[in-house]
Amino acid sequence: MVIITLQRDKCIGCNYCYELAPERFRMSKKDGKSVLLKSIDKKGFHTLKDPDHSVADNCDRAAKACPVNIISVKEI
């Protein structure tokens, strides 16, 4: 299981997450911020539990590239 978390309120819209992991991230046309696809929002933290471990590497690269460090990836 891979748990991906995005703190969307702090997103600056740099687009790195979408470039590195387009299968899990999109950029909102409304506000230009990142959207974690199929995630659940709890108090500003968007979380996705994904059984597909193949997305972990791309999401981890996106988390490391994020200039404001608002993406976390955990494999359990």
N, C-alpha and C. Protein backbone atom coordinates (compact mmCIF):
# COMPACT_ATOMS: atom_id res chain seq x y z
N MET A 1 0.85 -1.18 0.00
CA MET A 1 0.00 0.00 0.00
C MET A 1 0.89 1.24 0.00
N VAL A 2 0.55 2.21 -0.81
CA VAL A 2 1.23 3.49 -0.88
C VAL A 2 0.27 4.56 -0.40
N ILE A 3 0.71 5.39 0.53
CA ILE A 3 -0.11 6.48 1.05
C ILE A 3 0.52 7.79 0.59
N ILE A 4 -0.23 8.54 -0.21
CA ILE A 4 0.24 9.81 -0.75
C ILE A 4 -0.60 10.91 -0.12
N THR A 5 0.06 11.95 0.38
CA THR A 5 -0.63 13.06 1.02
C THR A 5 -0.18 14.37 0.38
N LEU A 6 -1.15 15.24 0.12
CA LEU A 6 -0.88 16.55 -0.45
C LEU A 6 -1.53 17.61 0.43
N GLN A 7 -0.75 18.59 0.86
CA GLN A 7 -1.29 19.71 1.64
C GLN A 7 -1.58 20.84 0.64
N ARG A 8 -2.74 20.76 0.03
CA ARG A 8 -3.09 21.57 -1.13
C ARG A 8 -3.11 23.07 -0.86
N ASP A 9 -3.49 23.49 0.33
CA ASP A 9 -3.59 24.92 0.65
C ASP A 9 -2.26 25.65 0.48
N LYS A 10 -1.16 24.93 0.66
CA LYS A 10 0.17 25.55 0.59
C LYS A 10 0.81 25.42 -0.80
N CYS A 11 0.08 24.85 -1.75
CA CYS A 11 0.61 24.66 -3.10
C CYS A 11 0.85 26.01 -3.78
N ILE A 12 2.00 26.12 -4.48
CA ILE A 12 2.31 27.36 -5.21
C ILE A 12 2.13 27.19 -6.72
N GLY A 13 1.70 26.01 -7.16
CA GLY A 13 1.40 25.78 -8.57
C GLY A 13 2.61 25.66 -9.47
N CYS A 14 3.71 25.10 -8.97
CA CYS A 14 4.94 25.01 -9.76
C CYS A 14 4.86 23.97 -10.87
N ASN A 15 3.94 22.99 -10.74
CA ASN A 15 3.68 21.99 -11.78
C ASN A 15 4.63 20.78 -11.76
N TYR A 16 5.59 20.73 -10.85
CA TYR A 16 6.54 19.61 -10.81
C TYR A 16 5.86 18.28 -10.56
N CYS A 17 4.88 18.27 -9.66
CA CYS A 17 4.21 17.00 -9.32
C CYS A 17 3.50 16.42 -10.55
N TYR A 18 2.85 17.26 -11.30
CA TYR A 18 2.16 16.79 -12.51
C TYR A 18 3.16 16.30 -13.56
N GLU A 19 4.27 16.99 -13.71
CA GLU A 19 5.28 16.59 -14.68
C GLU A 19 5.92 15.25 -14.32
N LEU A 20 6.11 15.00 -13.03
CA LEU A 20 6.79 13.78 -12.59
C LEU A 20 5.85 12.61 -12.32
N ALA A 21 4.60 12.88 -11.98
CA ALA A 21 3.64 11.81 -11.69
C ALA A 21 2.26 12.16 -12.25
N PRO A 22 2.13 12.23 -13.56
CA PRO A 22 0.84 12.63 -14.15
C PRO A 22 -0.29 11.64 -13.92
N GLU A 23 0.06 10.42 -13.52
CA GLU A 23 -0.98 9.43 -13.25
C GLU A 23 -1.70 9.69 -11.92
N ARG A 24 -1.12 10.55 -11.05
CA ARG A 24 -1.72 10.83 -9.75
C ARG A 24 -2.02 12.31 -9.51
N PHE A 25 -1.41 13.21 -10.28
CA PHE A 25 -1.59 14.64 -10.05
C PHE A 25 -2.10 15.35 -11.30
N ARG A 26 -2.88 16.40 -11.08
CA ARG A 26 -3.34 17.30 -12.13
C ARG A 26 -3.24 18.72 -11.57
N MET A 27 -3.25 19.68 -12.46
CA MET A 27 -3.27 21.08 -12.03
C MET A 27 -4.69 21.61 -12.23
N SER A 28 -5.22 22.27 -11.22
CA SER A 28 -6.58 22.80 -11.27
C SER A 28 -6.66 23.98 -12.22
N LYS A 29 -7.67 23.99 -13.06
CA LYS A 29 -7.88 25.13 -13.95
C LYS A 29 -8.48 26.32 -13.20
N LYS A 30 -9.10 26.06 -12.04
CA LYS A 30 -9.72 27.12 -11.26
C LYS A 30 -8.69 27.99 -10.54
N ASP A 31 -7.76 27.35 -9.82
CA ASP A 31 -6.82 28.12 -9.00
C ASP A 31 -5.35 27.84 -9.30
N GLY A 32 -5.06 26.94 -10.24
CA GLY A 32 -3.68 26.67 -10.62
C GLY A 32 -2.89 25.83 -9.64
N LYS A 33 -3.58 25.26 -8.65
CA LYS A 33 -2.91 24.43 -7.65
C LYS A 33 -3.02 22.96 -8.01
N SER A 34 -2.17 22.16 -7.40
CA SER A 34 -2.14 20.73 -7.65
C SER A 34 -3.37 20.03 -7.06
N VAL A 35 -3.79 18.97 -7.76
CA VAL A 35 -4.90 18.14 -7.31
C VAL A 35 -4.40 16.70 -7.28
N LEU A 36 -4.55 16.03 -6.14
CA LEU A 36 -4.22 14.61 -6.02
C LEU A 36 -5.46 13.83 -6.43
N LEU A 37 -5.38 13.15 -7.54
CA LEU A 37 -6.54 12.46 -8.10
C LEU A 37 -7.05 11.35 -7.18
N LYS A 38 -8.36 11.25 -7.06
CA LYS A 38 -9.06 10.23 -6.27
C LYS A 38 -8.72 10.27 -4.78
N SER A 39 -8.35 11.46 -4.29
CA SER A 39 -7.98 11.58 -2.88
C SER A 39 -9.16 11.99 -2.03
N ILE A 40 -9.00 11.85 -0.73
CA ILE A 40 -10.00 12.24 0.26
C ILE A 40 -9.44 13.45 1.01
N ASP A 41 -10.23 14.50 1.12
CA ASP A 41 -9.81 15.74 1.79
C ASP A 41 -10.24 15.71 3.25
N LYS A 42 -9.26 15.86 4.14
CA LYS A 42 -9.54 15.99 5.57
C LYS A 42 -8.76 17.17 6.10
N LYS A 43 -9.47 18.27 6.32
CA LYS A 43 -8.89 19.49 6.88
C LYS A 43 -7.68 19.99 6.09
N GLY A 44 -7.78 20.00 4.78
CA GLY A 44 -6.72 20.54 3.94
C GLY A 44 -5.66 19.54 3.53
N PHE A 45 -5.71 18.33 4.07
CA PHE A 45 -4.77 17.29 3.69
C PHE A 45 -5.51 16.30 2.79
N HIS A 46 -5.07 16.20 1.55
CA HIS A 46 -5.68 15.30 0.58
C HIS A 46 -4.86 14.01 0.58
N THR A 47 -5.52 12.90 0.88
CA THR A 47 -4.83 11.62 1.06
C THR A 47 -5.39 10.57 0.12
N LEU A 48 -4.48 9.79 -0.44
CA LEU A 48 -4.84 8.68 -1.33
C LEU A 48 -4.11 7.43 -0.86
N LYS A 49 -4.86 6.38 -0.62
CA LYS A 49 -4.27 5.07 -0.31
C LYS A 49 -4.37 4.24 -1.58
N ASP A 50 -3.23 3.89 -2.13
CA ASP A 50 -3.17 3.22 -3.42
C ASP A 50 -2.46 1.87 -3.28
N PRO A 51 -3.10 0.77 -3.68
CA PRO A 51 -2.44 -0.54 -3.59
C PRO A 51 -1.38 -0.74 -4.67
N ASP A 52 -1.33 0.13 -5.66
CA ASP A 52 -0.40 0.01 -6.79
C ASP A 52 0.96 0.61 -6.43
N HIS A 53 1.93 -0.22 -6.13
CA HIS A 53 3.26 0.25 -5.74
C HIS A 53 4.05 0.82 -6.91
N SER A 54 3.59 0.61 -8.13
CA SER A 54 4.32 1.11 -9.29
C SER A 54 4.31 2.64 -9.37
N VAL A 55 3.36 3.29 -8.71
CA VAL A 55 3.30 4.75 -8.73
C VAL A 55 4.18 5.39 -7.66
N ALA A 56 4.69 4.60 -6.74
CA ALA A 56 5.45 5.13 -5.61
C ALA A 56 6.70 5.87 -6.04
N ASP A 57 7.44 5.35 -7.01
CA ASP A 57 8.68 6.00 -7.43
C ASP A 57 8.43 7.38 -8.02
N ASN A 58 7.45 7.47 -8.92
CA ASN A 58 7.14 8.77 -9.53
C ASN A 58 6.62 9.76 -8.49
N CYS A 59 5.79 9.29 -7.60
CA CYS A 59 5.25 10.17 -6.56
C CYS A 59 6.34 10.61 -5.59
N ASP A 60 7.28 9.71 -5.31
CA ASP A 60 8.40 10.06 -4.44
C ASP A 60 9.29 11.12 -5.10
N ARG A 61 9.51 10.99 -6.39
CA ARG A 61 10.28 12.02 -7.12
C ARG A 61 9.54 13.36 -7.08
N ALA A 62 8.23 13.31 -7.23
CA ALA A 62 7.43 14.55 -7.16
C ALA A 62 7.53 15.18 -5.78
N ALA A 63 7.50 14.37 -4.74
CA ALA A 63 7.61 14.88 -3.37
C ALA A 63 8.97 15.53 -3.14
N LYS A 64 10.03 14.93 -3.66
CA LYS A 64 11.37 15.50 -3.49
C LYS A 64 11.56 16.76 -4.32
N ALA A 65 10.88 16.87 -5.45
CA ALA A 65 11.01 18.04 -6.32
C ALA A 65 10.18 19.23 -5.85
N CYS A 66 9.17 18.97 -5.03
CA CYS A 66 8.26 20.03 -4.57
C CYS A 66 9.03 21.09 -3.77
N PRO A 67 9.04 22.34 -4.23
CA PRO A 67 9.81 23.37 -3.54
C PRO A 67 9.25 23.78 -2.18
N VAL A 68 7.98 23.48 -1.91
CA VAL A 68 7.38 23.84 -0.62
C VAL A 68 7.13 22.62 0.27
N ASN A 69 7.59 21.46 -0.15
CA ASN A 69 7.52 20.22 0.64
C ASN A 69 6.14 19.90 1.19
N ILE A 70 5.14 19.86 0.30
CA ILE A 70 3.76 19.61 0.74
C ILE A 70 3.25 18.23 0.33
N ILE A 71 4.13 17.41 -0.26
CA ILE A 71 3.76 16.06 -0.69
C ILE A 71 4.54 15.06 0.13
N SER A 72 3.84 14.05 0.65
CA SER A 72 4.53 12.97 1.34
C SER A 72 4.08 11.64 0.76
N VAL A 73 5.02 10.71 0.72
CA VAL A 73 4.76 9.37 0.18
C VAL A 73 5.30 8.36 1.18
N LYS A 74 4.42 7.43 1.57
CA LYS A 74 4.82 6.36 2.50
C LYS A 74 4.40 5.03 1.91
N GLU A 75 5.28 4.06 1.97
CA GLU A 75 4.96 2.71 1.54
C GLU A 75 4.83 1.84 2.79
N ILE A 76 3.70 1.12 2.87
CA ILE A 76 3.51 0.22 4.01
C ILE A 76 3.20 -1.17 3.52
